[in-house]
Amino acid sequence: MKYEIRYLPLTSKDLSNIVSYIAEELKAPKAAGDLIDALDTSILRLAQFRIHAGYIIPKNPLKMNIEYYL
């Protein structure tokens, strides 16, 4: 069974900023691309194996309080 993986808007923005920083400020575009590829691979595995990884439900995304459920 596949599960849906959704990014919070803040998460998408943070990832974009991180990749931009690595590619532009550190002048390492390959490292930035490799990071995104590794993150995508790991996160997409959650769609298939959620039970092994647990999942996170934000209590309040604006305050970034997180509860972990296994």
Foldseek 3Di string as FASTA:
>chain_A
DFDDDDDDPVRVVVLVVVLCCCCPVVVCNVVSVVVVVVVVVVRRVCRVVVVVVWDWDAPDVVVRRIDTDD
